[in-house]
C-alpha atoms as a PDB file:
ATOM      1  CA  MET A   1       2.344 122.511  85.110  1.00  0.00           C
ATOM      2  CA  HIS A   2       4.136 122.453  81.749  1.00  0.00           C
ATOM      3  CA  LEU A   3       3.927 119.437  79.491  1.00  0.00           C
ATOM      4  CA  LEU A   4       6.831 118.856  77.181  1.00  0.00           C
ATOM      5  CA  HIS A   5       6.474 117.117  73.872  1.00  0.00           C
ATOM      6  CA  GLU A   6       9.264 114.583  73.806  1.00  0.00           C
ATOM      7  CA  PRO A   7      10.298 112.858  70.598  1.00  0.00           C
ATOM      8  CA  SER A   8       9.893 109.125  70.515  1.00  0.00           C
ATOM      9  CA  ARG A   9      13.089 107.368  71.469  1.00  0.00           C
ATOM     10  CA  TYR A  10      12.598 105.059  68.495  1.00  0.00           C
ATOM     11  CA  THR A  11      12.205 107.515  65.643  1.00  0.00           C
ATOM     12  CA  GLY A  12      13.669 110.690  67.011  1.00  0.00           C
ATOM     13  CA  SER A  13      10.563 112.572  65.932  1.00  0.00           C
ATOM     14  CA  GLY A  14       7.653 110.289  66.749  1.00  0.00           C
ATOM     15  CA  HIS A  15       6.891 109.702  63.044  1.00  0.00           C
ATOM     16  CA  LEU A  16       7.549 106.904  60.598  1.00  0.00           C
ATOM     17  CA  PRO A  17      10.260 107.634  58.039  1.00  0.00           C
ATOM     18  CA  LYS A  18       8.777 109.234  54.892  1.00  0.00           C
ATOM     19  CA  ILE A  19      10.615 108.323  51.698  1.00  0.00           C
ATOM     20  CA  GLU A  20      10.122 108.469  47.923  1.00  0.00           C
ATOM     21  CA  VAL A  21      10.632 105.807  45.280  1.00  0.00           C
ATOM     22  CA  ALA A  22      11.465 107.008  41.762  1.00  0.00           C
ATOM     23  CA  TYR A  23      11.787 105.308  38.379  1.00  0.00           C
ATOM     24  CA  ALA A  24      11.810 106.997  34.991  1.00  0.00           C
ATOM     25  CA  LEU A  25      11.542 106.005  31.370  1.00  0.00           C
ATOM     26  CA  LEU A  26      11.775 108.481  28.509  1.00  0.00           C
ATOM     27  CA  GLU A  27       7.994 108.641  28.132  1.00  0.00           C
ATOM     28  CA  ARG A  28       6.812 107.903  31.670  1.00  0.00           C
ATOM     29  CA  GLN A  29       7.859 108.493  35.276  1.00  0.00           C
ATOM     30  CA  PHE A  30       6.967 106.969  38.638  1.00  0.00           C
ATOM     31  CA  LEU A  31       7.373 108.907  41.883  1.00  0.00           C
ATOM     32  CA  LYS A  32       5.621 107.800  45.036  1.00  0.00           C
ATOM     33  CA  SER A  33       5.922 109.085  48.597  1.00  0.00           C
ATOM     34  CA  LEU A  34       5.296 106.611  51.367  1.00  0.00           C
ATOM     35  CA  ASP A  35       5.825 106.006  55.064  1.00  0.00           C
ATOM     36  CA  VAL A  36       7.919 102.966  55.931  1.00  0.00           C
ATOM     37  CA  LYS A  37       8.649 101.195  59.185  1.00  0.00           C
ATOM     38  CA  LEU A  38      11.813 102.043  61.067  1.00  0.00           C
ATOM     39  CA  GLY A  39      14.717  99.979  59.808  1.00  0.00           C
ATOM     40  CA  ALA A  40      13.076  99.263  56.436  1.00  0.00           C
ATOM     41  CA  SER A  41      15.445  98.259  53.665  1.00  0.00           C
ATOM     42  CA  VAL A  42      15.590  99.682  50.162  1.00  0.00           C
ATOM     43  CA  SER A  43      14.118  96.406  48.898  1.00  0.00           C
ATOM     44  CA  GLU A  44      11.167  96.590  51.316  1.00  0.00           C
ATOM     45  CA  ALA A  45      10.460 100.208  50.363  1.00  0.00           C
ATOM     46  CA  ILE A  46      10.534  99.385  46.641  1.00  0.00           C
ATOM     47  CA  ASN A  47       8.125  96.483  47.160  1.00  0.00           C
ATOM     48  CA  LEU A  48       5.753  98.651  49.228  1.00  0.00           C
ATOM     49  CA  SER A  49       5.733 101.402  46.597  1.00  0.00           C
ATOM     50  CA  GLY A  50       4.048  99.321  43.896  1.00  0.00           C
ATOM     51  CA  VAL A  51       6.627 100.282  41.254  1.00  0.00           C
ATOM     52  CA  LEU A  52       7.365  96.626  40.458  1.00  0.00           C
ATOM     53  CA  GLU A  53       3.706  96.008  39.607  1.00  0.00           C
ATOM     54  CA  GLU A  54       3.498  99.127  37.449  1.00  0.00           C
ATOM     55  CA  PHE A  55       6.789  98.405  35.643  1.00  0.00           C
ATOM     56  CA  PRO A  56       7.175  94.608  35.447  1.00  0.00           C
ATOM     57  CA  GLU A  57      10.316  95.009  33.322  1.00  0.00           C
ATOM     58  CA  ILE A  58      12.252  96.124  36.431  1.00  0.00           C
ATOM     59  CA  ASN A  59      14.542  93.353  37.627  1.00  0.00           C
ATOM     60  CA  LEU A  60      16.196  94.239  40.935  1.00  0.00           C
ATOM     61  CA  ASP A  61      18.882  91.621  40.259  1.00  0.00           C
ATOM     62  CA  ILE A  62      19.919  93.666  37.200  1.00  0.00           C
ATOM     63  CA  ASN A  63      18.726  97.265  37.705  1.00  0.00           C
ATOM     64  CA  PRO A  64      20.993  99.170  40.097  1.00  0.00           C
ATOM     65  CA  VAL A  65      19.406 101.274  42.853  1.00  0.00           C
ATOM     66  CA  GLY A  66      20.547 104.403  44.642  1.00  0.00           C
ATOM     67  CA  ILE A  67      19.596 107.079  47.121  1.00  0.00           C
ATOM     68  CA  TYR A  68      19.994 110.597  45.713  1.00  0.00           C
ATOM     69  CA  SER A  69      22.290 109.391  42.887  1.00  0.00           C
ATOM     70  CA  LYS A  70      24.548 107.384  45.211  1.00  0.00           C
ATOM     71  CA  LYS A  71      24.500 103.661  44.461  1.00  0.00           C
ATOM     72  CA  VAL A  72      23.317 101.497  47.387  1.00  0.00           C
ATOM     73  CA  THR A  73      22.486  97.841  47.971  1.00  0.00           C
ATOM     74  CA  LEU A  74      18.970  96.466  48.340  1.00  0.00           C
ATOM     75  CA  ASP A  75      19.580  95.725  52.020  1.00  0.00           C
ATOM     76  CA  SER A  76      20.607  99.324  52.831  1.00  0.00           C
ATOM     77  CA  VAL A  77      18.403 100.882  55.521  1.00  0.00           C
ATOM     78  CA  VAL A  78      16.374 103.924  54.457  1.00  0.00           C
ATOM     79  CA  LYS A  79      16.156 107.123  56.481  1.00  0.00           C
ATOM     80  CA  ASN A  80      13.527 109.828  56.647  1.00  0.00           C
ATOM     81  CA  GLY A  81      13.634 111.974  53.509  1.00  0.00           C
ATOM     82  CA  ASP A  82      15.489 109.456  51.307  1.00  0.00           C
ATOM     83  CA  ARG A  83      14.600 109.201  47.624  1.00  0.00           C
ATOM     84  CA  ILE A  84      15.217 105.698  46.320  1.00  0.00           C
ATOM     85  CA  GLU A  85      15.996 105.678  42.617  1.00  0.00           C
ATOM     86  CA  ILE A  86      15.822 102.620  40.378  1.00  0.00           C
ATOM     87  CA  TYR A  87      18.181 103.027  37.442  1.00  0.00           C
ATOM     88  CA  ARG A  88      17.749 101.697  33.912  1.00  0.00           C
ATOM     89  CA  ALA A  89      20.512  99.889  32.102  1.00  0.00           C
ATOM     90  CA  LEU A  90      22.564 102.113  29.815  1.00  0.00           C
ATOM     91  CA  ARG A  91      21.979 101.548  26.112  1.00  0.00           C
ATOM     92  CA  VAL A  92      25.417 102.930  25.264  1.00  0.00           C
ATOM     93  CA  SER A  93      28.403 103.372  27.554  1.00  0.00           C
ATOM     94  CA  PRO A  94      29.313 107.008  28.330  1.00  0.00           C
ATOM     95  CA  LYS A  95      32.636 106.552  26.511  1.00  0.00           C
ATOM     96  CA  GLU A  96      30.912 105.264  23.376  1.00  0.00           C
ATOM     97  CA  ALA A  97      28.304 108.066  23.532  1.00  0.00           C
ATOM     98  CA  ARG A  98      31.081 110.722  23.620  1.00  0.00           C
ATOM     99  CA  ARG A  99      32.831 109.053  20.695  1.00  0.00           C
ATOM    100  CA  LEU A 100      29.608 109.019  18.646  1.00  0.00           C
ATOM    101  CA  ARG A 101      28.871 112.694  19.431  1.00  0.00           C
ATOM    102  CA  ALA A 102      32.409 113.694  18.445  1.00  0.00           C
ATOM    103  CA  LYS A 103      32.138 111.735  15.197  1.00  0.00           C
ATOM    104  CA  LYS A 104      28.764 113.361  14.408  1.00  0.00           C
ATOM    105  CA  LYS A 105      30.130 116.848  15.161  1.00  0.00           C
ATOM    106  CA  GLN A 106      33.174 116.162  12.991  1.00  0.00           C
ATOM    107  CA  SER A 107      31.024 115.072  10.037  1.00  0.00           C
ATOM    108  CA  LYS A 108      28.907 118.265  10.314  1.00  0.00           C
ATOM    109  CA  GLN A 109      32.040 120.431  10.145  1.00  0.00           C
ATOM    110  CA  ALA A 110      33.363 118.667   7.046  1.00  0.00           C
END
């Protein structure tokens, strides 16, 4: 008699989704892998990771979040293999940064 290993009908693989939560400052980074329940939201995963305790300056009402550089909402459902990223506020807009670099380059050439 042959026994077949059948994936769980709930997870597709019989395992809890494994995800990562990432946050980075210039001098310090946070990256944690964890298993979450099926149907877990981005917000639940962030809370489970412990990143909010380690970086109390994170405010999820202000800091945008994404999965692999694509902006998502806190109630988005995570999937196996997702990397949730918590973004910092920009100090300077990209347009202003380009203008400042061009001005600096121009002054070096003069």
